[in-house]
């Protein structure tokens, strides 16, 4: 079978790090917990290495609150940063790729981390939902 898989992507994740993580898990017998999730992405640094070759640090601040009635029983805060590199791109397209594909990559890593750590707290793991990032960007632009 022949495929057209590229040998390398124009956007690559070089490394990532969880800079901060806080888990406040209160013991509860309640099985119904309503979660709210807030994800705030930002490009914290951007540099041009050479013509059409960029590197950026993208950070995601993820906040999760789990409520049972009016009482907050789970509170999770994770700050993750990833270093991305792009070649053969102009700066604007590189930033767009970071805001979409970079955010998706970091969310996948954070999803796994949060689920693993919360499972170790002897509760049902908190699993981040999948987000429609394209729609979220449209909504953000609409609200600005």
Protein backbone atom coordinates (compact mmCIF):
# COMPACT_ATOMS: atom_id res chain seq x y z
CA UNK A 1 0.00 0.00 0.00
CA UNK A 2 1.35 3.40 -0.97
CA UNK A 3 0.60 6.48 1.15
CA UNK A 4 1.33 10.15 0.79
CA UNK A 5 2.48 10.71 4.36
CA UNK A 6 4.95 13.61 4.50
CA UNK A 7 8.41 12.83 5.82
CA UNK A 8 8.16 15.72 8.26
CA UNK A 9 5.54 18.22 9.26
CA UNK A 10 5.89 21.95 8.73
CA UNK A 11 5.04 22.36 12.44
CA UNK A 12 6.84 20.24 15.00
CA UNK A 13 6.59 20.00 18.77
CA UNK A 14 10.18 20.05 20.01
CA UNK A 15 9.48 19.68 23.71
CA UNK A 16 6.87 20.36 26.34
CA UNK A 17 6.76 20.83 30.08
CA UNK A 18 4.10 20.98 32.77
CA UNK A 19 5.14 24.17 34.56
CA UNK A 20 2.47 24.15 37.22
CA UNK A 21 -0.19 21.72 38.39
CA UNK A 22 -2.63 22.02 41.27
CA UNK A 23 -5.20 19.38 42.18
CA UNK A 24 -7.71 20.09 44.93
CA UNK A 25 -9.82 16.98 45.35
CA UNK A 26 -12.30 16.87 48.22
CA UNK A 27 -13.62 13.53 49.31
CA UNK A 28 -17.24 13.16 48.35
CA UNK A 29 -19.79 10.42 48.06
CA UNK A 30 -21.57 12.27 45.26
CA UNK A 31 -21.48 10.56 41.88
CA UNK A 32 -22.84 13.48 39.83
CA UNK A 33 -20.29 16.22 39.37
CA UNK A 34 -20.73 18.96 36.78
CA UNK A 35 -17.45 20.17 35.31
CA UNK A 36 -16.58 23.48 33.70
CA UNK A 37 -13.36 23.79 31.71
CA UNK A 38 -11.52 26.94 30.70
CA UNK A 39 -8.56 26.84 28.32
CA UNK A 40 -6.49 29.98 27.74
CA UNK A 41 -3.79 29.64 25.06
CA UNK A 42 -1.11 32.24 24.44
CA UNK A 43 2.05 32.49 22.40
CA UNK A 44 4.59 33.67 24.97
CA UNK A 45 7.59 33.97 22.67
CA UNK A 46 8.19 33.95 18.95
CA UNK A 47 11.48 34.17 17.11
CA UNK A 48 12.58 33.99 13.52
CA UNK A 49 15.58 31.66 13.33
CA UNK A 50 16.19 32.32 9.67
CA UNK A 51 14.00 33.25 6.73
CA UNK A 52 10.70 31.30 6.88
CA UNK A 53 11.93 29.34 9.92
CA UNK A 54 10.26 30.16 13.25
CA UNK A 55 10.24 28.92 16.81
CA UNK A 56 7.61 29.73 19.44
CA UNK A 57 6.65 28.85 22.97
CA UNK A 58 2.92 28.25 23.31
CA UNK A 59 1.38 28.04 26.72
CA UNK A 60 -2.00 26.70 27.82
CA UNK A 61 -3.59 27.53 31.14
CA UNK A 62 -6.27 24.92 31.86
CA UNK A 63 -8.72 25.39 34.73
CA UNK A 64 -11.31 22.80 35.69
CA UNK A 65 -13.97 23.12 38.38
CA UNK A 66 -16.19 20.25 39.44
CA UNK A 67 -19.35 21.18 41.29
CA UNK A 68 -21.83 19.08 43.18
CA UNK A 69 -24.79 21.37 43.66
CA UNK A 70 -23.30 24.71 44.74
CA UNK A 71 -20.22 23.17 46.29
CA UNK A 72 -16.88 22.94 44.43
CA UNK A 73 -15.50 19.45 45.07
CA UNK A 74 -12.76 19.25 42.41
CA UNK A 75 -10.48 22.05 41.29
CA UNK A 76 -7.66 21.45 38.81
CA UNK A 77 -5.25 23.96 37.34
CA UNK A 78 -2.52 23.00 34.86
CA UNK A 79 -0.06 25.22 33.03
CA UNK A 80 1.65 23.48 30.12
CA UNK A 81 4.09 25.02 27.65
CA UNK A 82 5.31 23.60 24.36
CA UNK A 83 8.11 24.69 22.08
CA UNK A 84 7.15 24.53 18.42
CA UNK A 85 9.17 24.98 15.25
CA UNK A 86 7.97 25.67 11.74
CA UNK A 87 9.82 25.79 8.46
CA UNK A 88 8.85 27.09 5.02
CA UNK A 89 6.17 29.35 6.51
CA UNK A 90 5.58 33.04 6.82
CA UNK A 91 5.12 34.34 10.36
CA UNK A 92 1.33 34.70 10.19
CA UNK A 93 0.78 31.12 8.97
CA UNK A 94 3.18 29.82 11.61
CA UNK A 95 1.18 31.62 14.31
CA UNK A 96 -2.07 30.20 12.92
CA UNK A 97 -0.64 26.68 13.01
CA UNK A 98 0.51 27.18 16.59
CA UNK A 99 -2.91 28.48 17.63
CA UNK A 100 -4.70 25.51 16.10
CA UNK A 101 -2.41 22.48 15.79
CA UNK A 102 -0.15 23.52 18.67
CA UNK A 103 -3.10 23.98 21.02
CA UNK A 104 -4.52 20.60 19.91
CA UNK A 105 -1.17 18.90 20.63
CA UNK A 106 -0.83 20.42 24.08
CA UNK A 107 -4.46 19.63 24.93
CA UNK A 108 -3.86 15.98 24.08
CA UNK A 109 -0.84 15.89 26.42
CA UNK A 110 -2.67 17.74 29.19
CA UNK A 111 -5.73 15.46 28.81
CA UNK A 112 -3.57 12.40 29.46
CA UNK A 113 -1.75 14.03 32.38
CA UNK A 114 -4.93 15.22 34.13
CA UNK A 115 -6.67 11.86 33.67
CA UNK A 116 -3.66 9.99 35.07
CA UNK A 117 -3.16 12.21 38.10
CA UNK A 118 -6.85 12.35 39.02
CA UNK A 119 -7.08 8.55 38.74
CA UNK A 120 -4.30 8.35 41.34
CA UNK A 121 -6.51 10.40 43.68
CA UNK A 122 -8.87 7.43 43.81
CA UNK A 123 -11.68 9.21 41.99
CA UNK A 124 -13.20 8.72 38.58
CA UNK A 125 -10.55 10.24 36.25
CA UNK A 126 -11.24 13.72 34.99
CA UNK A 127 -10.96 13.52 31.21
CA UNK A 128 -10.91 16.74 29.22
CA UNK A 129 -13.47 16.72 26.43
CA UNK A 130 -12.46 17.13 22.81
CA UNK A 131 -12.82 20.72 21.69
CA UNK A 132 -13.78 22.05 18.29
CA UNK A 133 -10.88 24.48 18.07
CA UNK A 134 -11.94 25.91 14.72
CA UNK A 135 -15.35 26.82 16.11
CA UNK A 136 -13.81 28.16 19.32
CA UNK A 137 -11.55 30.49 17.29
CA UNK A 138 -14.54 31.72 15.27
CA UNK A 139 -16.46 32.45 18.48
CA UNK A 140 -13.46 34.28 19.98
CA UNK A 141 -13.08 36.46 16.87
CA UNK A 142 -16.83 37.14 16.87
CA UNK A 143 -16.73 38.26 20.53
CA UNK A 144 -13.74 40.58 20.04
